[in-house]
Each structure stands twice: as structure tokens, then as C-alpha cells.
């Protein structure tokens, strides 16, 4: 096994605790499904959220999915002019037999514009 990283992002509709957790959960579930991840192989996940999302930590969704033995950290995304609003980004570190070129990065909702090469 080696260590690989998986990137992903999703936008939420509203700056509410419910939406932040719901959409982060949706993103994590899709990353886990598309990459056939055994949750026990996840080392850590870094979350960033745009400044307009401040009602909950995205990491709450990971804990609710049972990701209790990996490191989770939340940050505020850089405030870049004309960037995507209400966006949560993740960087997942995991032990895997996949090579880095074989992982599936997941971009959902309006965040799909961030990686048009994946659509």
C-alpha cells in the first residue's frame, strides 16, 4: 500500500448547519464509493470552506459517517476575487493500492466548474 490523495469539492445552497453537513456528507460518500475506499484506510481529511459558510464545520459530516480514527481539520478557503461561493473543498489522504493516477477526484453541484477536465 502507498499513500494517495483525493480531491473534491461541492457547493451548498444555503449557509445553514444542515446544508453544510448534508452536502459535505454527499461529497464524502461519493468519494468513498467512486474510489472503493475502506474507511479504516483514511489517514486524514482537510476541509476548506469559503468565507460565506460559517454555520458548521464540514468535518462534522465525516464524524457522522463514522470517520473517527482519522485526523480532520477545517480551514477557511482563500478569498479570491470572483471565485465560487458557498464551496466546500476536501483533500483526503489515504492508504491504498490505487496509484495516484487511478484515483477519482469528485466535484459536485456548481463545483464541477472547478475541474471541467473531469466531467
PDB file of N, CA and C in Angstrom:
ATOM      1  N   UNK A   1       0.840  -1.195   0.000  1.00  0.00           N
ATOM      2  CA  UNK A   1       0.000   0.000   0.000  1.00  0.00           C
ATOM      3  C   UNK A   1       0.874   1.243   0.000  1.00  0.00           C
ATOM      4  N   UNK A   2       0.334   2.280  -0.618  1.00  0.00           N
ATOM      5  CA  UNK A   2       1.017   3.571  -0.590  1.00  0.00           C
ATOM      6  C   UNK A   2       0.010   4.631  -0.140  1.00  0.00           C
ATOM      7  N   UNK A   3       0.467   5.846  -0.009  1.00  0.00           N
ATOM      8  CA  UNK A   3      -0.415   6.945   0.363  1.00  0.00           C
ATOM      9  C   UNK A   3      -0.791   7.708  -0.902  1.00  0.00           C
ATOM     10  N   UNK A   4      -2.095   7.916  -1.072  1.00  0.00           N
ATOM     11  CA  UNK A   4      -2.598   8.700  -2.196  1.00  0.00           C
ATOM     12  C   UNK A   4      -3.500   9.810  -1.660  1.00  0.00           C
ATOM     13  N   UNK A   5      -3.750  10.778  -2.504  1.00  0.00           N
ATOM     14  CA  UNK A   5      -4.653  11.864  -2.133  1.00  0.00           C
ATOM     15  C   UNK A   5      -5.784  11.947  -3.141  1.00  0.00           C
ATOM     16  N   UNK A   6      -6.930  12.351  -2.639  1.00  0.00           N
ATOM     17  CA  UNK A   6      -8.108  12.537  -3.484  1.00  0.00           C
ATOM     18  C   UNK A   6      -8.657  13.925  -3.204  1.00  0.00           C
ATOM     19  N   UNK A   7      -8.935  14.649  -4.261  1.00  0.00           N
ATOM     20  CA  UNK A   7      -9.504  15.989  -4.144  1.00  0.00           C
ATOM     21  C   UNK A   7     -10.979  15.953  -4.480  1.00  0.00           C
ATOM     22  N   UNK A   8     -11.696  16.907  -3.914  1.00  0.00           N
ATOM     23  CA  UNK A   8     -13.104  17.033  -4.220  1.00  0.00           C
ATOM     24  C   UNK A   8     -13.643  18.367  -3.760  1.00  0.00           C
ATOM     25  N   UNK A   9     -14.812  18.708  -4.272  1.00  0.00           N
ATOM     26  CA  UNK A   9     -15.470  19.952  -3.866  1.00  0.00           C
ATOM     27  C   UNK A   9     -16.955  19.846  -4.155  1.00  0.00           C
ATOM     28  N   UNK A  10     -17.706  20.641  -3.429  1.00  0.00           N
ATOM     29  CA  UNK A  10     -19.154  20.706  -3.612  1.00  0.00           C
ATOM     30  C   UNK A  10     -19.620  22.083  -3.179  1.00  0.00           C
ATOM     31  N   UNK A  11     -20.692  22.545  -3.772  1.00  0.00           N
ATOM     32  CA  UNK A  11     -21.312  23.786  -3.318  1.00  0.00           C
ATOM     33  C   UNK A  11     -22.570  23.444  -2.544  1.00  0.00           C
ATOM     34  N   UNK A  12     -22.946  24.350  -1.654  1.00  0.00           N
ATOM     35  CA  UNK A  12     -24.174  24.174  -0.880  1.00  0.00           C
ATOM     36  C   UNK A  12     -25.143  25.283  -1.262  1.00  0.00           C
ATOM     37  N   UNK A  13     -26.411  25.056  -0.992  1.00  0.00           N
ATOM     38  CA  UNK A  13     -27.421  26.057  -1.347  1.00  0.00           C
ATOM     39  C   UNK A  13     -27.480  27.209  -0.356  1.00  0.00           C
ATOM     40  N   UNK A  14     -27.398  26.862   0.938  1.00  0.00           N
ATOM     41  CA  UNK A  14     -27.591  27.868   1.979  1.00  0.00           C
ATOM     42  C   UNK A  14     -26.541  27.730   3.068  1.00  0.00           C
ATOM     43  N   UNK A  15     -26.203  28.838   3.690  1.00  0.00           N
ATOM     44  CA  UNK A  15     -25.280  28.835   4.810  1.00  0.00           C
ATOM     45  C   UNK A  15     -26.035  28.431   6.073  1.00  0.00           C
ATOM     46  N   UNK A  16     -26.360  27.139   6.138  1.00  0.00           N
ATOM     47  CA  UNK A  16     -27.013  26.586   7.333  1.00  0.00           C
ATOM     48  C   UNK A  16     -26.229  25.358   7.775  1.00  0.00           C
ATOM     49  N   UNK A  17     -26.323  25.060   9.050  1.00  0.00           N
ATOM     50  CA  UNK A  17     -25.679  23.859   9.586  1.00  0.00           C
ATOM     51  C   UNK A  17     -26.117  22.626   8.791  1.00  0.00           C
ATOM     52  N   UNK A  18     -27.413  22.551   8.530  1.00  0.00           N
ATOM     53  CA  UNK A  18     -27.973  21.391   7.836  1.00  0.00           C
ATOM     54  C   UNK A  18     -27.384  21.229   6.435  1.00  0.00           C
ATOM     55  N   UNK A  19     -27.330  22.311   5.665  1.00  0.00           N
ATOM     56  CA  UNK A  19     -26.799  22.222   4.306  1.00  0.00           C
ATOM     57  C   UNK A  19     -25.302  21.906   4.299  1.00  0.00           C
ATOM     58  N   UNK A  20     -24.551  22.537   5.173  1.00  0.00           N
ATOM     59  CA  UNK A  20     -23.112  22.283   5.208  1.00  0.00           C
ATOM     60  C   UNK A  20     -22.841  20.812   5.503  1.00  0.00           C
ATOM     61  N   UNK A  21     -23.521  20.254   6.472  1.00  0.00           N
ATOM     62  CA  UNK A  21     -23.314  18.842   6.821  1.00  0.00           C
ATOM     63  C   UNK A  21     -23.863  17.927   5.734  1.00  0.00           C
ATOM     64  N   UNK A  22     -25.051  18.215   5.234  1.00  0.00           N
ATOM     65  CA  UNK A  22     -25.684  17.374   4.202  1.00  0.00           C
ATOM     66  C   UNK A  22     -24.824  17.284   2.940  1.00  0.00           C
ATOM     67  N   UNK A  23     -24.364  18.427   2.442  1.00  0.00           N
ATOM     68  CA  UNK A  23     -23.606  18.425   1.195  1.00  0.00           C
ATOM     69  C   UNK A  23     -22.183  17.896   1.378  1.00  0.00           C
ATOM     70  N   UNK A  24     -21.589  18.140   2.530  1.00  0.00           N
ATOM     71  CA  UNK A  24     -20.266  17.556   2.795  1.00  0.00           C
ATOM     72  C   UNK A  24     -20.388  16.043   2.861  1.00  0.00           C
ATOM     73  N   UNK A  25     -21.421  15.566   3.505  1.00  0.00           N
ATOM     74  CA  UNK A  25     -21.665  14.121   3.590  1.00  0.00           C
ATOM     75  C   UNK A  25     -21.831  13.530   2.188  1.00  0.00           C
ATOM     76  N   UNK A  26     -22.611  14.205   1.352  1.00  0.00           N
ATOM     77  CA  UNK A  26     -22.821  13.750  -0.026  1.00  0.00           C
ATOM     78  C   UNK A  26     -21.489  13.634  -0.765  1.00  0.00           C
ATOM     79  N   UNK A  27     -20.629  14.635  -0.622  1.00  0.00           N
ATOM     80  CA  UNK A  27     -19.325  14.624  -1.271  1.00  0.00           C
ATOM     81  C   UNK A  27     -18.461  13.473  -0.763  1.00  0.00           C
ATOM     82  N   UNK A  28     -18.380  13.324   0.555  1.00  0.00           N
ATOM     83  CA  UNK A  28     -17.557  12.249   1.120  1.00  0.00           C
ATOM     84  C   UNK A  28     -18.068  10.872   0.718  1.00  0.00           C
ATOM     85  N   UNK A  29     -19.373  10.684   0.743  1.00  0.00           N
ATOM     86  CA  UNK A  29     -19.938   9.389   0.349  1.00  0.00           C
ATOM     87  C   UNK A  29     -19.602   9.062  -1.099  1.00  0.00           C
ATOM     88  N   UNK A  30     -19.634  10.061  -1.968  1.00  0.00           N
ATOM     89  CA  UNK A  30     -19.325   9.825  -3.377  1.00  0.00           C
ATOM     90  C   UNK A  30     -17.837   9.529  -3.572  1.00  0.00           C
ATOM     91  N   UNK A  31     -16.980  10.221  -2.853  1.00  0.00           N
ATOM     92  CA  UNK A  31     -15.539   9.939  -2.920  1.00  0.00           C
ATOM     93  C   UNK A  31     -15.267   8.513  -2.465  1.00  0.00           C
ATOM     94  N   UNK A  32     -15.875   8.117  -1.360  1.00  0.00           N
ATOM     95  CA  UNK A  32     -15.683   6.763  -0.821  1.00  0.00           C
ATOM     96  C   UNK A  32     -16.197   5.716  -1.804  1.00  0.00           C
ATOM     97  N   UNK A  33     -17.382   5.946  -2.364  1.00  0.00           N
ATOM     98  CA  UNK A  33     -17.988   4.998  -3.308  1.00  0.00           C
ATOM     99  C   UNK A  33     -17.172   4.882  -4.598  1.00  0.00           C
ATOM    100  N   UNK A  34     -16.864   6.018  -5.223  1.00  0.00           N
ATOM    101  CA  UNK A  34     -16.184   6.005  -6.521  1.00  0.00           C
ATOM    102  C   UNK A  34     -14.765   5.448  -6.448  1.00  0.00           C
ATOM    103  N   UNK A  35     -14.148   5.532  -5.270  1.00  0.00           N
ATOM    104  CA  UNK A  35     -12.777   5.048  -5.108  1.00  0.00           C
ATOM    105  C   UNK A  35     -12.702   3.751  -4.306  1.00  0.00           C
ATOM    106  N   UNK A  36     -13.879   3.182  -4.000  1.00  0.00           N
ATOM    107  CA  UNK A  36     -13.950   1.907  -3.273  1.00  0.00           C
ATOM    108  C   UNK A  36     -13.058   1.936  -2.019  1.00  0.00           C
ATOM    109  N   UNK A  37     -13.258   2.946  -1.204  1.00  0.00           N
ATOM    110  CA  UNK A  37     -12.403   3.182  -0.039  1.00  0.00           C
ATOM    111  C   UNK A  37     -12.904   2.420   1.183  1.00  0.00           C
ATOM    112  N   UNK A  38     -11.988   1.738   1.834  1.00  0.00           N
ATOM    113  CA  UNK A  38     -12.235   1.185   3.162  1.00  0.00           C
ATOM    114  C   UNK A  38     -11.982   2.334   4.125  1.00  0.00           C
ATOM    115  N   UNK A  39     -12.996   2.744   4.879  1.00  0.00           N
ATOM    116  CA  UNK A  39     -12.875   3.921   5.745  1.00  0.00           C
ATOM    117  C   UNK A  39     -11.702   3.825   6.711  1.00  0.00           C
ATOM    118  N   UNK A  40     -11.324   2.628   7.105  1.00  0.00           N
ATOM    119  CA  UNK A  40     -10.216   2.486   8.055  1.00  0.00           C
ATOM    120  C   UNK A  40      -8.870   2.852   7.426  1.00  0.00           C
ATOM    121  N   UNK A  41      -8.826   2.992   6.095  1.00  0.00           N
ATOM    122  CA  UNK A  41      -7.588   3.381   5.411  1.00  0.00           C
ATOM    123  C   UNK A  41      -7.435   4.892   5.249  1.00  0.00           C
ATOM    124  N   UNK A  42      -8.447   5.642   5.663  1.00  0.00           N
ATOM    125  CA  UNK A  42      -8.342   7.097   5.575  1.00  0.00           C
ATOM    126  C   UNK A  42      -7.444   7.593   6.704  1.00  0.00           C
ATOM    127  N   UNK A  43      -6.407   8.323   6.324  1.00  0.00           N
ATOM    128  CA  UNK A  43      -5.444   8.859   7.285  1.00  0.00           C
ATOM    129  C   UNK A  43      -5.938  10.199   7.832  1.00  0.00           C
ATOM    130  N   UNK A  44      -6.309  11.093   6.932  1.00  0.00           N
ATOM    131  CA  UNK A  44      -6.793  12.408   7.347  1.00  0.00           C
ATOM    132  C   UNK A  44      -7.539  13.073   6.202  1.00  0.00           C
ATOM    133  N   UNK A  45      -8.334  14.064   6.573  1.00  0.00           N
ATOM    134  CA  UNK A  45      -9.070  14.857   5.582  1.00  0.00           C
ATOM    135  C   UNK A  45      -8.947  16.320   5.970  1.00  0.00           C
ATOM    136  N   UNK A  46      -8.546  17.129   4.997  1.00  0.00           N
ATOM    137  CA  UNK A  46      -8.525  18.575   5.172  1.00  0.00           C
ATOM    138  C   UNK A  46      -9.739  19.152   4.461  1.00  0.00           C
ATOM    139  N   UNK A  47     -10.450  20.017   5.142  1.00  0.00           N
ATOM    140  CA  UNK A  47     -11.631  20.673   4.591  1.00  0.00           C
ATOM    141  C   UNK A  47     -11.365  22.174   4.521  1.00  0.00           C
ATOM    142  N   UNK A  48     -11.791  22.789   3.437  1.00  0.00           N
ATOM    143  CA  UNK A  48     -11.815  24.252   3.412  1.00  0.00           C
ATOM    144  C   UNK A  48     -13.211  24.680   2.996  1.00  0.00           C
ATOM    145  N   UNK A  49     -13.616  25.832   3.493  1.00  0.00           N
ATOM    146  CA  UNK A  49     -14.925  26.378   3.147  1.00  0.00           C
ATOM    147  C   UNK A  49     -14.748  27.855   2.828  1.00  0.00           C
ATOM    148  N   UNK A  50     -15.511  28.336   1.870  1.00  0.00           N
ATOM    149  CA  UNK A  50     -15.467  29.753   1.542  1.00  0.00           C
ATOM    150  C   UNK A  50     -16.011  30.560   2.717  1.00  0.00           C
ATOM    151  N   UNK A  51     -15.652  31.832   2.762  1.00  0.00           N
ATOM    152  CA  UNK A  51     -15.979  32.656   3.934  1.00  0.00           C
ATOM    153  C   UNK A  51     -17.477  32.828   4.158  1.00  0.00           C
ATOM    154  N   UNK A  52     -18.291  32.538   3.144  1.00  0.00           N
ATOM    155  CA  UNK A  52     -19.736  32.671   3.294  1.00  0.00           C
ATOM    156  C   UNK A  52     -20.388  31.429   3.921  1.00  0.00           C
ATOM    157  N   UNK A  53     -19.575  30.459   4.319  1.00  0.00           N
ATOM    158  CA  UNK A  53     -20.075  29.270   5.020  1.00  0.00           C
ATOM    159  C   UNK A  53     -19.463  29.238   6.418  1.00  0.00           C
ATOM    160  N   UNK A  54     -20.280  29.573   7.406  1.00  0.00           N
ATOM    161  CA  UNK A  54     -19.753  29.654   8.769  1.00  0.00           C
ATOM    162  C   UNK A  54     -20.714  29.155   9.840  1.00  0.00           C
ATOM    163  N   UNK A  55     -21.673  28.330   9.451  1.00  0.00           N
ATOM    164  CA  UNK A  55     -22.662  27.850  10.424  1.00  0.00           C
ATOM    165  C   UNK A  55     -22.310  26.480  11.008  1.00  0.00           C
ATOM    166  N   UNK A  56     -21.329  25.790  10.421  1.00  0.00           N
ATOM    167  CA  UNK A  56     -20.916  24.474  10.943  1.00  0.00           C
ATOM    168  C   UNK A  56     -19.579  24.095  10.332  1.00  0.00           C
ATOM    169  N   UNK A  57     -18.872  23.230  11.034  1.00  0.00           N
ATOM    170  CA  UNK A  57     -17.639  22.663  10.496  1.00  0.00           C
ATOM    171  C   UNK A  57     -17.988  21.522   9.547  1.00  0.00           C
ATOM    172  N   UNK A  58     -17.442  21.500   8.336  1.00  0.00           N
ATOM    173  CA  UNK A  58     -17.694  20.376   7.429  1.00  0.00           C
ATOM    174  C   UNK A  58     -17.263  19.025   8.016  1.00  0.00           C
ATOM    175  N   UNK A  59     -16.278  19.029   8.892  1.00  0.00           N
ATOM    176  CA  UNK A  59     -15.784  17.778   9.485  1.00  0.00           C
ATOM    177  C   UNK A  59     -16.857  17.046  10.282  1.00  0.00           C
ATOM    178  N   UNK A  60     -17.901  17.748  10.705  1.00  0.00           N
ATOM    179  CA  UNK A  60     -18.993  17.078  11.425  1.00  0.00           C
ATOM    180  C   UNK A  60     -19.565  15.947  10.576  1.00  0.00           C
ATOM    181  N   UNK A  61     -19.690  16.176   9.270  1.00  0.00           N
ATOM    182  CA  UNK A  61     -20.230  15.152   8.364  1.00  0.00           C
ATOM    183  C   UNK A  61     -19.353  13.909   8.368  1.00  0.00           C
ATOM    184  N   UNK A  62     -18.042  14.089   8.407  1.00  0.00           N
ATOM    185  CA  UNK A  62     -17.127  12.944   8.434  1.00  0.00           C
ATOM    186  C   UNK A  62     -17.309  12.138   9.706  1.00  0.00           C
ATOM    187  N   UNK A  63     -17.423  12.811  10.823  1.00  0.00           N
ATOM    188  CA  UNK A  63     -17.632  12.104  12.096  1.00  0.00           C
ATOM    189  C   UNK A  63     -18.956  11.346  12.063  1.00  0.00           C
ATOM    190  N   UNK A  64     -19.987  11.955  11.490  1.00  0.00           N
ATOM    191  CA  UNK A  64     -21.288  11.279  11.391  1.00  0.00           C
ATOM    192  C   UNK A  64     -21.220  10.050  10.481  1.00  0.00           C
ATOM    193  N   UNK A  65     -20.272  10.033   9.549  1.00  0.00           N
ATOM    194  CA  UNK A  65     -20.077   8.866   8.680  1.00  0.00           C
ATOM    195  C   UNK A  65     -19.214   7.794   9.351  1.00  0.00           C
ATOM    196  N   UNK A  66     -18.798   8.033  10.590  1.00  0.00           N
ATOM    197  CA  UNK A  66     -18.001   7.057  11.309  1.00  0.00           C
ATOM    198  C   UNK A  66     -16.505   7.218  11.122  1.00  0.00           C
ATOM    199  N   UNK A  67     -16.077   8.319  10.561  1.00  0.00           N
ATOM    200  CA  UNK A  67     -14.642   8.558  10.377  1.00  0.00           C
ATOM    201  C   UNK A  67     -14.079   9.154  11.667  1.00  0.00           C
ATOM    202  N   UNK A  68     -13.896   8.279  12.660  1.00  0.00           N
ATOM    203  CA  UNK A  68     -13.499   8.708  13.991  1.00  0.00           C
ATOM    204  C   UNK A  68     -12.036   8.446  14.309  1.00  0.00           C
ATOM    205  N   UNK A  69     -11.327   7.720  13.443  1.00  0.00           N
ATOM    206  CA  UNK A  69      -9.939   7.377  13.715  1.00  0.00           C
ATOM    207  C   UNK A  69      -8.968   8.032  12.752  1.00  0.00           C
ATOM    208  N   UNK A  70      -9.409   9.090  12.104  1.00  0.00           N
ATOM    209  CA  UNK A  70      -8.525   9.830  11.203  1.00  0.00           C
ATOM    210  C   UNK A  70      -8.527  11.293  11.615  1.00  0.00           C
ATOM    211  N   UNK A  71      -7.479  11.986  11.221  1.00  0.00           N
ATOM    212  CA  UNK A  71      -7.390  13.407  11.532  1.00  0.00           C
ATOM    213  C   UNK A  71      -8.270  14.231  10.610  1.00  0.00           C
ATOM    214  N   UNK A  72      -8.982  15.186  11.179  1.00  0.00           N
ATOM    215  CA  UNK A  72      -9.841  16.088  10.402  1.00  0.00           C
ATOM    216  C   UNK A  72      -9.491  17.519  10.777  1.00  0.00           C
ATOM    217  N   UNK A  73      -9.413  18.380   9.778  1.00  0.00           N
ATOM    218  CA  UNK A  73      -9.076  19.773  10.037  1.00  0.00           C
ATOM    219  C   UNK A  73      -9.846  20.654   9.068  1.00  0.00           C
ATOM    220  N   UNK A  74     -10.399  21.745   9.577  1.00  0.00           N
ATOM    221  CA  UNK A  74     -11.156  22.683   8.754  1.00  0.00           C
ATOM    222  C   UNK A  74     -10.436  24.026   8.683  1.00  0.00           C
ATOM    223  N   UNK A  75     -10.477  24.631   7.494  1.00  0.00           N
ATOM    224  CA  UNK A  75      -9.842  25.914   7.244  1.00  0.00           C
ATOM    225  C   UNK A  75     -10.786  26.788   6.432  1.00  0.00           C
ATOM    226  N   UNK A  76     -10.531  28.088   6.476  1.00  0.00           N
ATOM    227  CA  UNK A  76     -11.245  28.977   5.574  1.00  0.00           C
ATOM    228  C   UNK A  76     -10.464  29.049   4.271  1.00  0.00           C
ATOM    229  N   UNK A  77     -11.167  28.887   3.168  1.00  0.00           N
ATOM    230  CA  UNK A  77     -10.564  28.966   1.834  1.00  0.00           C
ATOM    231  C   UNK A  77     -10.093  30.395   1.570  1.00  0.00           C
ATOM    232  N   UNK A  78      -9.045  30.546   0.781  1.00  0.00           N
ATOM    233  CA  UNK A  78      -8.615  31.887   0.368  1.00  0.00           C
ATOM    234  C   UNK A  78      -9.778  32.628  -0.272  1.00  0.00           C
ATOM    235  N   UNK A  79      -9.873  33.907   0.016  1.00  0.00           N
ATOM    236  CA  UNK A  79     -10.932  34.735  -0.557  1.00  0.00           C
ATOM    237  C   UNK A  79     -10.426  35.335  -1.863  1.00  0.00           C
ATOM    238  N   UNK A  80     -10.631  34.606  -2.955  1.00  0.00           N
ATOM    239  CA  UNK A  80     -10.149  35.047  -4.269  1.00  0.00           C
ATOM    240  C   UNK A  80     -11.293  35.748  -4.999  1.00  0.00           C
ATOM    241  N   UNK A  81     -10.987  36.891  -5.538  1.00  0.00           N
ATOM    242  CA  UNK A  81     -11.979  37.680  -6.255  1.00  0.00           C
ATOM    243  C   UNK A  81     -12.637  36.861  -7.358  1.00  0.00           C
ATOM    244  N   UNK A  82     -13.962  36.937  -7.459  1.00  0.00           N
ATOM    245  CA  UNK A  82     -14.776  36.248  -8.462  1.00  0.00           C
ATOM    246  C   UNK A  82     -14.713  34.723  -8.383  1.00  0.00           C
ATOM    247  N   UNK A  83     -14.363  34.199  -7.225  1.00  0.00           N
ATOM    248  CA  UNK A  83     -14.319  32.737  -7.085  1.00  0.00           C
ATOM    249  C   UNK A  83     -15.700  32.187  -6.739  1.00  0.00           C
ATOM    250  N   UNK A  84     -15.805  30.881  -6.764  1.00  0.00           N
ATOM    251  CA  UNK A  84     -17.058  30.186  -6.485  1.00  0.00           C
ATOM    252  C   UNK A  84     -17.485  30.405  -5.035  1.00  0.00           C
ATOM    253  N   UNK A  85     -18.755  30.742  -4.831  1.00  0.00           N
ATOM    254  CA  UNK A  85     -19.304  30.953  -3.491  1.00  0.00           C
ATOM    255  C   UNK A  85     -19.874  29.666  -2.915  1.00  0.00           C
ATOM    256  N   UNK A  86     -20.022  29.669  -1.599  1.00  0.00           N
ATOM    257  CA  UNK A  86     -20.637  28.553  -0.857  1.00  0.00           C
ATOM    258  C   UNK A  86     -20.031  27.206  -1.273  1.00  0.00           C
ATOM    259  N   UNK A  87     -18.717  27.148  -1.241  1.00  0.00           N
ATOM    260  CA  UNK A  87     -18.000  25.966  -1.712  1.00  0.00           C
ATOM    261  C   UNK A  87     -17.184  25.325  -0.586  1.00  0.00           C
ATOM    262  N   UNK A  88     -17.293  24.022  -0.502  1.00  0.00           N
ATOM    263  CA  UNK A  88     -16.502  23.215   0.435  1.00  0.00           C
ATOM    264  C   UNK A  88     -15.569  22.356  -0.398  1.00  0.00           C
ATOM    265  N   UNK A  89     -14.293  22.397  -0.044  1.00  0.00           N
ATOM    266  CA  UNK A  89     -13.290  21.582  -0.736  1.00  0.00           C
ATOM    267  C   UNK A  89     -12.690  20.596   0.256  1.00  0.00           C
ATOM    268  N   UNK A  90     -12.286  19.427  -0.261  1.00  0.00           N
ATOM    269  CA  UNK A  90     -11.655  18.425   0.600  1.00  0.00           C
ATOM    270  C   UNK A  90     -10.380  17.907  -0.053  1.00  0.00           C
ATOM    271  N   UNK A  91      -9.478  17.473   0.800  1.00  0.00           N
ATOM    272  CA  UNK A  91      -8.272  16.765   0.386  1.00  0.00           C
ATOM    273  C   UNK A  91      -8.169  15.564   1.314  1.00  0.00           C
ATOM    274  N   UNK A  92      -8.365  14.383   0.746  1.00  0.00           N
ATOM    275  CA  UNK A  92      -8.368  13.136   1.509  1.00  0.00           C
ATOM    276  C   UNK A  92      -7.023  12.438   1.336  1.00  0.00           C
ATOM    277  N   UNK A  93      -6.401  12.073   2.437  1.00  0.00           N
ATOM    278  CA  UNK A  93      -5.163  11.291   2.438  1.00  0.00           C
ATOM    279  C   UNK A  93      -5.535   9.871   2.871  1.00  0.00           C
ATOM    280  N   UNK A  94      -5.129   8.866   2.070  1.00  0.00           N
ATOM    281  CA  UNK A  94      -5.443   7.502   2.462  1.00  0.00           C
ATOM    282  C   UNK A  94      -4.391   6.505   2.016  1.00  0.00           C
ATOM    283  N   UNK A  95      -4.381   5.389   2.735  1.00  0.00           N
ATOM    284  CA  UNK A  95      -3.554   4.251   2.339  1.00  0.00           C
ATOM    285  C   UNK A  95      -4.358   3.473   1.314  1.00  0.00           C
ATOM    286  N   UNK A  96      -3.731   3.139   0.192  1.00  0.00           N
ATOM    287  CA  UNK A  96      -4.481   2.488  -0.871  1.00  0.00           C
ATOM    288  C   UNK A  96      -3.559   1.702  -1.792  1.00  0.00           C
ATOM    289  N   UNK A  97      -4.146   0.749  -2.490  1.00  0.00           N
ATOM    290  CA  UNK A  97      -3.440   0.035  -3.545  1.00  0.00           C
ATOM    291  C   UNK A  97      -3.587   0.755  -4.886  1.00  0.00           C
ATOM    292  N   UNK A  98      -4.429   1.789  -4.914  1.00  0.00           N
ATOM    293  CA  UNK A  98      -4.577   2.591  -6.127  1.00  0.00           C
ATOM    294  C   UNK A  98      -3.313   3.414  -6.339  1.00  0.00           C
ATOM    295  N   UNK A  99      -2.981   3.655  -7.584  1.00  0.00           N
ATOM    296  CA  UNK A  99      -1.909   4.607  -7.854  1.00  0.00           C
ATOM    297  C   UNK A  99      -2.549   5.996  -7.891  1.00  0.00           C
ATOM    298  N   UNK A 100      -1.756   7.017  -7.713  1.00  0.00           N
ATOM    299  CA  UNK A 100      -2.284   8.377  -7.706  1.00  0.00           C
ATOM    300  C   UNK A 100      -3.011   8.702  -9.013  1.00  0.00           C
ATOM    301  N   UNK A 101      -2.566   8.139 -10.117  1.00  0.00           N
ATOM    302  CA  UNK A 101      -3.202   8.420 -11.411  1.00  0.00           C
ATOM    303  C   UNK A 101      -4.550   7.708 -11.568  1.00  0.00           C
ATOM    304  N   UNK A 102      -4.841   6.737 -10.707  1.00  0.00           N
ATOM    305  CA  UNK A 102      -6.095   5.986 -10.808  1.00  0.00           C
ATOM    306  C   UNK A 102      -7.200   6.481  -9.890  1.00  0.00           C
ATOM    307  N   UNK A 103      -6.906   7.403  -8.973  1.00  0.00           N
ATOM    308  CA  UNK A 103      -7.952   7.881  -8.073  1.00  0.00           C
ATOM    309  C   UNK A 103      -8.951   8.733  -8.840  1.00  0.00           C
ATOM    310  N   UNK A 104     -10.179   8.765  -8.326  1.00  0.00           N
ATOM    311  CA  UNK A 104     -11.239   9.550  -8.950  1.00  0.00           C
ATOM    312  C   UNK A 104     -11.529  10.757  -8.066  1.00  0.00           C
ATOM    313  N   UNK A 105     -11.174  11.929  -8.567  1.00  0.00           N
ATOM    314  CA  UNK A 105     -11.466  13.177  -7.869  1.00  0.00           C
ATOM    315  C   UNK A 105     -12.931  13.521  -8.150  1.00  0.00           C
ATOM    316  N   UNK A 106     -13.625  14.028  -7.142  1.00  0.00           N
ATOM    317  CA  UNK A 106     -15.070  14.227  -7.245  1.00  0.00           C
ATOM    318  C   UNK A 106     -15.432  15.698  -7.037  1.00  0.00           C
ATOM    319  N   UNK A 107     -16.102  16.269  -8.019  1.00  0.00           N
ATOM    320  CA  UNK A 107     -16.553  17.661  -7.962  1.00  0.00           C
ATOM    321  C   UNK A 107     -18.046  17.677  -8.282  1.00  0.00           C
ATOM    322  N   UNK A 108     -18.851  18.108  -7.310  1.00  0.00           N
ATOM    323  CA  UNK A 108     -20.306  18.029  -7.428  1.00  0.00           C
ATOM    324  C   UNK A 108     -20.968  19.406  -7.382  1.00  0.00           C
ATOM    325  N   UNK A 109     -22.206  19.421  -7.830  1.00  0.00           N
ATOM    326  CA  UNK A 109     -23.012  20.634  -7.865  1.00  0.00           C
ATOM    327  C   UNK A 109     -22.275  21.687  -8.708  1.00  0.00           C
ATOM    328  N   UNK A 110     -22.302  22.930  -8.303  1.00  0.00           N
ATOM    329  CA  UNK A 110     -21.665  24.004  -9.075  1.00  0.00           C
ATOM    330  C   UNK A 110     -20.138  23.899  -9.047  1.00  0.00           C
ATOM    331  N   UNK A 111     -19.587  23.117  -8.121  1.00  0.00           N
ATOM    332  CA  UNK A 111     -18.132  22.957  -8.026  1.00  0.00           C
ATOM    333  C   UNK A 111     -17.570  22.186  -9.218  1.00  0.00           C
ATOM    334  N   UNK A 112     -18.425  21.573 -10.007  1.00  0.00           N
ATOM    335  CA  UNK A 112     -17.930  20.845 -11.196  1.00  0.00           C
ATOM    336  C   UNK A 112     -17.207  21.776 -12.168  1.00  0.00           C
ATOM    337  N   UNK A 113     -17.469  23.088 -12.092  1.00  0.00           N
ATOM    338  CA  UNK A 113     -16.761  24.034 -12.967  1.00  0.00           C
ATOM    339  C   UNK A 113     -15.296  24.176 -12.599  1.00  0.00           C
ATOM    340  N   UNK A 114     -14.933  23.745 -11.393  1.00  0.00           N
ATOM    341  CA  UNK A 114     -13.539  23.844 -10.956  1.00  0.00           C
ATOM    342  C   UNK A 114     -12.643  22.853 -11.686  1.00  0.00           C
ATOM    343  N   UNK A 115     -13.227  21.757 -12.128  1.00  0.00           N
ATOM    344  CA  UNK A 115     -12.441  20.714 -12.824  1.00  0.00           C
ATOM    345  C   UNK A 115     -13.200  20.221 -14.057  1.00  0.00           C
ATOM    346  N   UNK A 116     -13.320  21.047 -15.093  1.00  0.00           N
ATOM    347  CA  UNK A 116     -14.040  20.637 -16.290  1.00  0.00           C
ATOM    348  C   UNK A 116     -13.392  19.426 -16.987  1.00  0.00           C
ATOM    349  N   UNK A 117     -12.135  19.187 -16.703  1.00  0.00           N
ATOM    350  CA  UNK A 117     -11.449  18.033 -17.298  1.00  0.00           C
ATOM    351  C   UNK A 117     -11.980  16.709 -16.758  1.00  0.00           C
ATOM    352  N   UNK A 118     -12.716  16.743 -15.654  1.00  0.00           N
ATOM    353  CA  UNK A 118     -13.232  15.507 -15.057  1.00  0.00           C
ATOM    354  C   UNK A 118     -14.665  15.205 -15.474  1.00  0.00           C
ATOM    355  N   UNK A 119     -15.323  16.136 -16.132  1.00  0.00           N
ATOM    356  CA  UNK A 119     -16.744  15.950 -16.496  1.00  0.00           C
ATOM    357  C   UNK A 119     -16.911  15.237 -17.812  1.00  0.00           C
TER     358      UNK A 119
END
